[in-house]
Amino acid sequence: MRSLTIAIGLAVLAALPALAHSFRLGEIEIGHPWAPPSETGDAPVYLALSNRGAAADRLIAASSPRAREAELRGGDDAPLQEIALEPKRPIALRAGRPHLALHGLTQPLAAGEEFPLTLRFAGAGSVEVTVMVEAAPAH
């Protein structure tokens, strides 16, 4: 029984870094920003967004020192001007859905590294988050 308790405790501790990889800007919550490793000058960035407030907001821009440009992209990969954040309606920015695309990377993204990304919202303002480079998101 004691070894089971220790194993459960270790599993919980191992999960804490993934759980702690979230950010907040006022009523906007940003969950686990990540990007897959990239061998080219472009890479997608995925994350979860949730608006806990009563008024809608919009993600209108992103930037990173690791790329010449960061674009908002639709599920069909077409450029978007904004991504709407309705109150109490979380959205996942992921492949095949709206997401961010980095163009002109300063160097390829390698698994295990992290880099800063600034997200700009129409109402809430700007926040810097940390993007983890990994083959698949840690949960």
N, C-alpha and C. Protein backbone atom coordinates (compact mmCIF):
# COMPACT_ATOMS: atom_id res chain seq x y z
N MET A 1 0.82 -1.19 0.00
CA MET A 1 0.00 0.00 0.00
C MET A 1 0.87 1.26 0.00
N ARG A 2 1.96 1.22 0.76
CA ARG A 2 2.83 2.37 0.82
C ARG A 2 3.45 2.67 -0.55
N SER A 3 3.85 1.64 -1.29
CA SER A 3 4.44 1.87 -2.62
C SER A 3 3.41 2.44 -3.59
N LEU A 4 2.15 2.05 -3.45
CA LEU A 4 1.09 2.63 -4.28
C LEU A 4 0.92 4.11 -3.97
N THR A 5 0.95 4.48 -2.69
CA THR A 5 0.84 5.88 -2.29
C THR A 5 2.00 6.69 -2.84
N ILE A 6 3.20 6.14 -2.78
CA ILE A 6 4.38 6.83 -3.31
C ILE A 6 4.26 6.98 -4.82
N ALA A 7 3.81 5.95 -5.51
CA ALA A 7 3.66 6.01 -6.96
C ALA A 7 2.64 7.07 -7.37
N ILE A 8 1.53 7.13 -6.66
CA ILE A 8 0.51 8.14 -6.95
C ILE A 8 1.08 9.54 -6.71
N GLY A 9 1.79 9.71 -5.62
CA GLY A 9 2.40 11.00 -5.32
C GLY A 9 3.39 11.43 -6.39
N LEU A 10 4.21 10.49 -6.88
CA LEU A 10 5.17 10.81 -7.94
C LEU A 10 4.45 11.17 -9.24
N ALA A 11 3.37 10.47 -9.54
CA ALA A 11 2.60 10.77 -10.75
C ALA A 11 2.01 12.18 -10.68
N VAL A 12 1.50 12.55 -9.52
CA VAL A 12 0.94 13.90 -9.35
C VAL A 12 2.04 14.94 -9.51
N LEU A 13 3.20 14.71 -8.91
CA LEU A 13 4.31 15.66 -9.03
C LEU A 13 4.78 15.78 -10.48
N ALA A 14 4.81 14.67 -11.20
CA ALA A 14 5.24 14.71 -12.59
C ALA A 14 4.27 15.51 -13.45
N ALA A 15 3.00 15.51 -13.09
CA ALA A 15 1.99 16.23 -13.87
C ALA A 15 1.97 17.73 -13.56
N LEU A 16 2.53 18.16 -12.46
CA LEU A 16 2.45 19.57 -12.06
C LEU A 16 3.04 20.54 -13.08
N PRO A 17 4.21 20.26 -13.69
CA PRO A 17 4.71 21.24 -14.65
C PRO A 17 3.73 21.49 -15.80
N ALA A 18 3.07 20.46 -16.30
CA ALA A 18 2.11 20.65 -17.39
C ALA A 18 0.91 21.45 -16.90
N LEU A 19 0.45 21.17 -15.69
CA LEU A 19 -0.69 21.89 -15.15
C LEU A 19 -0.36 23.35 -14.89
N ALA A 20 0.89 23.62 -14.53
CA ALA A 20 1.30 24.97 -14.18
C ALA A 20 1.61 25.81 -15.41
N HIS A 21 1.61 25.23 -16.58
CA HIS A 21 1.96 25.95 -17.80
C HIS A 21 0.73 26.65 -18.37
N SER A 22 0.23 27.60 -17.60
CA SER A 22 -0.90 28.40 -18.04
C SER A 22 -0.65 29.84 -17.63
N PHE A 23 -1.38 30.74 -18.28
CA PHE A 23 -1.17 32.17 -18.08
C PHE A 23 -2.53 32.85 -18.00
N ARG A 24 -2.53 34.04 -17.42
CA ARG A 24 -3.79 34.78 -17.27
C ARG A 24 -3.54 36.26 -17.54
N LEU A 25 -4.50 36.88 -18.23
CA LEU A 25 -4.48 38.31 -18.48
C LEU A 25 -5.90 38.79 -18.21
N GLY A 26 -6.11 39.37 -17.03
CA GLY A 26 -7.47 39.76 -16.65
C GLY A 26 -8.38 38.55 -16.65
N GLU A 27 -9.43 38.58 -17.46
CA GLU A 27 -10.38 37.47 -17.54
C GLU A 27 -10.02 36.44 -18.60
N ILE A 28 -8.90 36.64 -19.31
CA ILE A 28 -8.48 35.72 -20.36
C ILE A 28 -7.50 34.71 -19.78
N GLU A 29 -7.78 33.43 -19.98
CA GLU A 29 -6.87 32.36 -19.56
C GLU A 29 -6.26 31.72 -20.80
N ILE A 30 -4.96 31.49 -20.74
CA ILE A 30 -4.21 30.89 -21.85
C ILE A 30 -3.62 29.59 -21.32
N GLY A 31 -3.97 28.48 -21.94
CA GLY A 31 -3.52 27.18 -21.46
C GLY A 31 -2.52 26.52 -22.39
N HIS A 32 -1.46 26.06 -21.83
CA HIS A 32 -0.39 25.26 -22.44
C HIS A 32 -0.04 25.62 -23.88
N PRO A 33 0.58 26.79 -24.11
CA PRO A 33 1.07 27.10 -25.45
C PRO A 33 2.20 26.14 -25.82
N TRP A 34 2.10 25.54 -27.01
CA TRP A 34 3.15 24.62 -27.45
C TRP A 34 3.28 24.66 -28.96
N ALA A 35 4.44 24.24 -29.43
CA ALA A 35 4.72 24.15 -30.86
C ALA A 35 5.47 22.85 -31.11
N PRO A 36 5.20 22.20 -32.24
CA PRO A 36 5.97 21.01 -32.57
C PRO A 36 7.37 21.38 -33.05
N PRO A 37 8.33 20.47 -32.92
CA PRO A 37 9.66 20.74 -33.48
C PRO A 37 9.53 21.05 -34.97
N SER A 38 10.40 21.92 -35.46
CA SER A 38 10.33 22.34 -36.86
C SER A 38 11.71 22.32 -37.48
N GLU A 39 11.78 21.83 -38.71
CA GLU A 39 13.06 21.86 -39.42
C GLU A 39 13.05 22.91 -40.52
N THR A 40 11.93 23.63 -40.64
CA THR A 40 11.83 24.66 -41.67
C THR A 40 11.75 26.03 -40.99
N GLY A 41 11.52 27.05 -41.77
CA GLY A 41 11.42 28.41 -41.23
C GLY A 41 10.05 28.77 -40.72
N ASP A 42 9.11 27.81 -40.75
CA ASP A 42 7.75 28.05 -40.29
C ASP A 42 7.35 27.00 -39.26
N ALA A 43 6.43 27.38 -38.36
CA ALA A 43 5.92 26.43 -37.37
C ALA A 43 4.58 26.91 -36.83
N PRO A 44 3.67 25.98 -36.57
CA PRO A 44 2.42 26.36 -35.92
C PRO A 44 2.61 26.48 -34.41
N VAL A 45 1.73 27.22 -33.76
CA VAL A 45 1.67 27.29 -32.30
C VAL A 45 0.24 27.00 -31.89
N TYR A 46 0.09 26.13 -30.92
CA TYR A 46 -1.23 25.73 -30.43
C TYR A 46 -1.38 26.10 -28.96
N LEU A 47 -2.61 26.38 -28.54
CA LEU A 47 -2.89 26.72 -27.15
C LEU A 47 -4.39 26.73 -26.94
N ALA A 48 -4.80 26.84 -25.69
CA ALA A 48 -6.22 26.94 -25.36
C ALA A 48 -6.49 28.34 -24.84
N LEU A 49 -7.65 28.88 -25.19
CA LEU A 49 -8.06 30.21 -24.73
C LEU A 49 -9.43 30.12 -24.08
N SER A 50 -9.58 30.85 -22.99
CA SER A 50 -10.86 30.90 -22.31
C SER A 50 -11.10 32.32 -21.82
N ASN A 51 -12.30 32.81 -22.06
CA ASN A 51 -12.70 34.15 -21.62
C ASN A 51 -13.65 33.98 -20.44
N ARG A 52 -13.18 34.27 -19.24
CA ARG A 52 -13.98 34.12 -18.02
C ARG A 52 -14.82 35.35 -17.71
N GLY A 53 -14.68 36.39 -18.52
CA GLY A 53 -15.41 37.63 -18.28
C GLY A 53 -16.82 37.60 -18.85
N ALA A 54 -17.51 38.73 -18.75
CA ALA A 54 -18.88 38.85 -19.24
C ALA A 54 -18.93 39.43 -20.65
N ALA A 55 -17.86 40.08 -21.10
CA ALA A 55 -17.83 40.70 -22.42
C ALA A 55 -16.91 39.92 -23.36
N ALA A 56 -17.28 39.88 -24.63
CA ALA A 56 -16.45 39.22 -25.64
C ALA A 56 -15.13 39.97 -25.80
N ASP A 57 -14.11 39.27 -26.25
CA ASP A 57 -12.82 39.88 -26.57
C ASP A 57 -12.34 39.21 -27.86
N ARG A 58 -11.19 39.67 -28.36
CA ARG A 58 -10.65 39.12 -29.60
C ARG A 58 -9.14 39.04 -29.51
N LEU A 59 -8.58 37.92 -29.93
CA LEU A 59 -7.13 37.82 -30.12
C LEU A 59 -6.87 38.47 -31.47
N ILE A 60 -6.05 39.54 -31.47
CA ILE A 60 -5.86 40.29 -32.71
C ILE A 60 -4.44 40.24 -33.27
N ALA A 61 -3.47 39.78 -32.48
CA ALA A 61 -2.09 39.74 -32.97
C ALA A 61 -1.23 38.89 -32.06
N ALA A 62 -0.09 38.48 -32.59
CA ALA A 62 0.91 37.76 -31.82
C ALA A 62 2.28 38.11 -32.39
N SER A 63 3.32 37.97 -31.56
CA SER A 63 4.68 38.21 -32.01
C SER A 63 5.64 37.43 -31.13
N SER A 64 6.82 37.15 -31.70
CA SER A 64 7.85 36.44 -30.96
C SER A 64 9.22 36.84 -31.50
N PRO A 65 10.21 36.96 -30.62
CA PRO A 65 11.56 37.24 -31.12
C PRO A 65 12.14 36.05 -31.90
N ARG A 66 11.49 34.89 -31.83
CA ARG A 66 11.98 33.71 -32.56
C ARG A 66 11.51 33.68 -34.01
N ALA A 67 10.65 34.63 -34.43
CA ALA A 67 10.13 34.60 -35.80
C ALA A 67 9.97 36.02 -36.35
N ARG A 68 10.12 36.14 -37.64
CA ARG A 68 9.91 37.41 -38.33
C ARG A 68 8.46 37.85 -38.21
N GLU A 69 7.53 36.88 -38.23
CA GLU A 69 6.11 37.20 -38.22
C GLU A 69 5.33 36.08 -37.53
N ALA A 70 4.27 36.45 -36.84
CA ALA A 70 3.32 35.49 -36.28
C ALA A 70 1.94 35.85 -36.82
N GLU A 71 1.29 34.89 -37.44
CA GLU A 71 -0.01 35.13 -38.07
C GLU A 71 -1.11 34.35 -37.38
N LEU A 72 -2.29 34.93 -37.34
CA LEU A 72 -3.49 34.20 -36.94
C LEU A 72 -3.97 33.47 -38.18
N ARG A 73 -4.25 32.17 -38.05
CA ARG A 73 -4.67 31.37 -39.21
C ARG A 73 -5.96 30.63 -38.89
N GLY A 74 -6.79 30.43 -39.92
CA GLY A 74 -8.03 29.69 -39.78
C GLY A 74 -7.81 28.20 -39.94
N GLY A 75 -8.87 27.42 -39.77
CA GLY A 75 -8.79 25.97 -39.92
C GLY A 75 -8.38 25.55 -41.32
N ASP A 76 -8.66 26.40 -42.31
CA ASP A 76 -8.25 26.13 -43.69
C ASP A 76 -6.87 26.72 -43.98
N ASP A 77 -6.20 27.22 -42.96
CA ASP A 77 -4.87 27.83 -43.01
C ASP A 77 -4.86 29.21 -43.67
N ALA A 78 -6.04 29.79 -43.91
CA ALA A 78 -6.11 31.15 -44.46
C ALA A 78 -5.85 32.15 -43.33
N PRO A 79 -5.21 33.29 -43.64
CA PRO A 79 -4.97 34.32 -42.61
C PRO A 79 -6.29 34.85 -42.04
N LEU A 80 -6.25 35.13 -40.75
CA LEU A 80 -7.40 35.73 -40.05
C LEU A 80 -7.00 37.09 -39.50
N GLN A 81 -7.95 38.00 -39.38
CA GLN A 81 -7.72 39.29 -38.76
C GLN A 81 -7.84 39.19 -37.24
N GLU A 82 -8.63 38.23 -36.77
CA GLU A 82 -8.87 38.08 -35.33
C GLU A 82 -9.44 36.69 -35.04
N ILE A 83 -9.37 36.32 -33.78
CA ILE A 83 -10.02 35.10 -33.29
C ILE A 83 -10.91 35.54 -32.13
N ALA A 84 -12.22 35.36 -32.31
CA ALA A 84 -13.20 35.82 -31.31
C ALA A 84 -13.15 34.94 -30.07
N LEU A 85 -13.28 35.59 -28.91
CA LEU A 85 -13.32 34.90 -27.61
C LEU A 85 -14.62 35.29 -26.92
N GLU A 86 -15.62 34.47 -27.09
CA GLU A 86 -16.91 34.71 -26.46
C GLU A 86 -16.83 34.32 -24.98
N PRO A 87 -17.57 35.00 -24.13
CA PRO A 87 -17.56 34.66 -22.70
C PRO A 87 -17.98 33.20 -22.46
N LYS A 88 -17.25 32.57 -21.58
CA LYS A 88 -17.57 31.21 -21.11
C LYS A 88 -17.62 30.17 -22.24
N ARG A 89 -16.89 30.43 -23.36
CA ARG A 89 -16.85 29.48 -24.48
C ARG A 89 -15.39 29.26 -24.86
N PRO A 90 -14.70 28.36 -24.13
CA PRO A 90 -13.28 28.12 -24.41
C PRO A 90 -13.07 27.58 -25.83
N ILE A 91 -11.93 27.93 -26.39
CA ILE A 91 -11.57 27.40 -27.70
C ILE A 91 -10.15 26.87 -27.67
N ALA A 92 -9.90 25.86 -28.49
CA ALA A 92 -8.56 25.28 -28.62
C ALA A 92 -8.01 25.69 -29.97
N LEU A 93 -6.87 26.35 -29.97
CA LEU A 93 -6.17 26.67 -31.21
C LEU A 93 -5.29 25.47 -31.51
N ARG A 94 -5.64 24.73 -32.58
CA ARG A 94 -4.94 23.49 -32.88
C ARG A 94 -5.00 23.22 -34.38
N ALA A 95 -4.33 22.17 -34.83
CA ALA A 95 -4.31 21.80 -36.24
C ALA A 95 -5.73 21.58 -36.74
N GLY A 96 -6.02 22.12 -37.92
CA GLY A 96 -7.34 21.98 -38.51
C GLY A 96 -8.37 22.95 -37.94
N ARG A 97 -7.96 23.81 -37.04
CA ARG A 97 -8.81 24.83 -36.42
C ARG A 97 -8.02 26.13 -36.43
N PRO A 98 -8.61 27.21 -35.98
CA PRO A 98 -7.79 28.43 -35.87
C PRO A 98 -6.55 28.16 -35.01
N HIS A 99 -5.43 28.77 -35.39
CA HIS A 99 -4.17 28.61 -34.67
C HIS A 99 -3.24 29.77 -35.02
N LEU A 100 -2.05 29.73 -34.49
CA LEU A 100 -1.03 30.72 -34.81
C LEU A 100 0.02 30.06 -35.71
N ALA A 101 0.58 30.84 -36.60
CA ALA A 101 1.65 30.34 -37.47
C ALA A 101 2.83 31.29 -37.38
N LEU A 102 3.99 30.74 -37.09
CA LEU A 102 5.23 31.52 -37.05
C LEU A 102 5.91 31.39 -38.41
N HIS A 103 6.36 32.51 -38.96
CA HIS A 103 7.06 32.53 -40.25
C HIS A 103 8.41 33.19 -40.06
N GLY A 104 9.41 32.69 -40.78
CA GLY A 104 10.75 33.26 -40.70
C GLY A 104 11.40 33.01 -39.35
N LEU A 105 11.38 31.76 -38.90
CA LEU A 105 12.02 31.42 -37.62
C LEU A 105 13.50 31.79 -37.66
N THR A 106 14.01 32.28 -36.54
CA THR A 106 15.42 32.63 -36.46
C THR A 106 16.30 31.38 -36.46
N GLN A 107 15.73 30.26 -36.01
CA GLN A 107 16.37 28.94 -36.07
C GLN A 107 15.28 27.90 -35.88
N PRO A 108 15.50 26.67 -36.36
CA PRO A 108 14.47 25.64 -36.19
C PRO A 108 14.14 25.43 -34.72
N LEU A 109 12.91 24.98 -34.46
CA LEU A 109 12.47 24.69 -33.09
C LEU A 109 12.86 23.26 -32.74
N ALA A 110 13.56 23.10 -31.63
CA ALA A 110 14.01 21.78 -31.18
C ALA A 110 13.21 21.35 -29.96
N ALA A 111 12.86 20.08 -29.93
CA ALA A 111 12.12 19.53 -28.79
C ALA A 111 12.85 19.84 -27.49
N GLY A 112 12.09 20.26 -26.49
CA GLY A 112 12.64 20.54 -25.17
C GLY A 112 12.95 22.00 -24.93
N GLU A 113 12.99 22.81 -25.96
CA GLU A 113 13.26 24.23 -25.72
C GLU A 113 11.96 25.00 -25.52
N GLU A 114 12.11 26.24 -25.07
CA GLU A 114 10.98 27.14 -24.84
C GLU A 114 11.32 28.49 -25.45
N PHE A 115 10.27 29.26 -25.79
CA PHE A 115 10.51 30.61 -26.30
C PHE A 115 9.32 31.49 -25.96
N PRO A 116 9.54 32.82 -25.91
CA PRO A 116 8.46 33.75 -25.57
C PRO A 116 7.57 34.05 -26.77
N LEU A 117 6.30 34.27 -26.48
CA LEU A 117 5.32 34.67 -27.49
C LEU A 117 4.42 35.70 -26.83
N THR A 118 4.22 36.85 -27.48
CA THR A 118 3.33 37.87 -26.96
C THR A 118 2.00 37.79 -27.70
N LEU A 119 0.92 37.71 -26.94
CA LEU A 119 -0.43 37.67 -27.49
C LEU A 119 -1.08 39.02 -27.21
N ARG A 120 -1.75 39.59 -28.22
CA ARG A 120 -2.42 40.87 -28.05
C ARG A 120 -3.93 40.70 -28.26
N PHE A 121 -4.69 41.12 -27.26
CA PHE A 121 -6.15 41.05 -27.28
C PHE A 121 -6.71 42.45 -27.43
N ALA A 122 -7.83 42.58 -28.12
CA ALA A 122 -8.44 43.89 -28.36
C ALA A 122 -8.82 44.58 -27.07
N GLY A 123 -9.39 43.85 -26.12
CA GLY A 123 -9.84 44.45 -24.87
C GLY A 123 -8.87 44.28 -23.71
N ALA A 124 -8.34 43.09 -23.54
CA ALA A 124 -7.53 42.77 -22.36
C ALA A 124 -6.10 43.31 -22.44
N GLY A 125 -5.60 43.57 -23.65
CA GLY A 125 -4.23 44.04 -23.78
C GLY A 125 -3.29 42.93 -24.20
N SER A 126 -2.03 43.02 -23.78
CA SER A 126 -1.00 42.07 -24.20
C SER A 126 -0.45 41.29 -23.02
N VAL A 127 -0.02 40.07 -23.32
CA VAL A 127 0.60 39.22 -22.32
C VAL A 127 1.67 38.38 -23.00
N GLU A 128 2.81 38.19 -22.31
CA GLU A 128 3.85 37.30 -22.81
C GLU A 128 3.67 35.92 -22.18
N VAL A 129 3.67 34.90 -23.02
CA VAL A 129 3.56 33.52 -22.57
C VAL A 129 4.82 32.77 -23.00
N THR A 130 5.01 31.60 -22.44
CA THR A 130 6.12 30.74 -22.81
C THR A 130 5.59 29.58 -23.62
N VAL A 131 6.15 29.39 -24.80
CA VAL A 131 5.76 28.28 -25.68
C VAL A 131 6.76 27.15 -25.48
N MET A 132 6.25 25.96 -25.21
CA MET A 132 7.09 24.78 -25.07
C MET A 132 7.15 24.06 -26.42
N VAL A 133 8.34 23.64 -26.82
CA VAL A 133 8.49 22.89 -28.06
C VAL A 133 8.49 21.41 -27.69
N GLU A 134 7.49 20.69 -28.22
CA GLU A 134 7.34 19.27 -27.91
C GLU A 134 6.61 18.57 -29.04
N ALA A 135 6.84 17.28 -29.17
CA ALA A 135 6.22 16.51 -30.25
C ALA A 135 4.71 16.46 -30.09
N ALA A 136 4.22 16.41 -28.87
CA ALA A 136 2.79 16.44 -28.57
C ALA A 136 2.64 17.09 -27.21
N PRO A 137 1.51 17.72 -26.95
CA PRO A 137 1.37 18.41 -25.65
C PRO A 137 1.39 17.44 -24.49
N ALA A 138 2.04 17.85 -23.41
CA ALA A 138 2.05 17.07 -22.18
C ALA A 138 0.75 17.35 -21.43
N HIS A 139 0.10 16.31 -20.99
CA HIS A 139 -1.15 16.50 -20.21
C HIS A 139 -1.03 15.83 -18.88
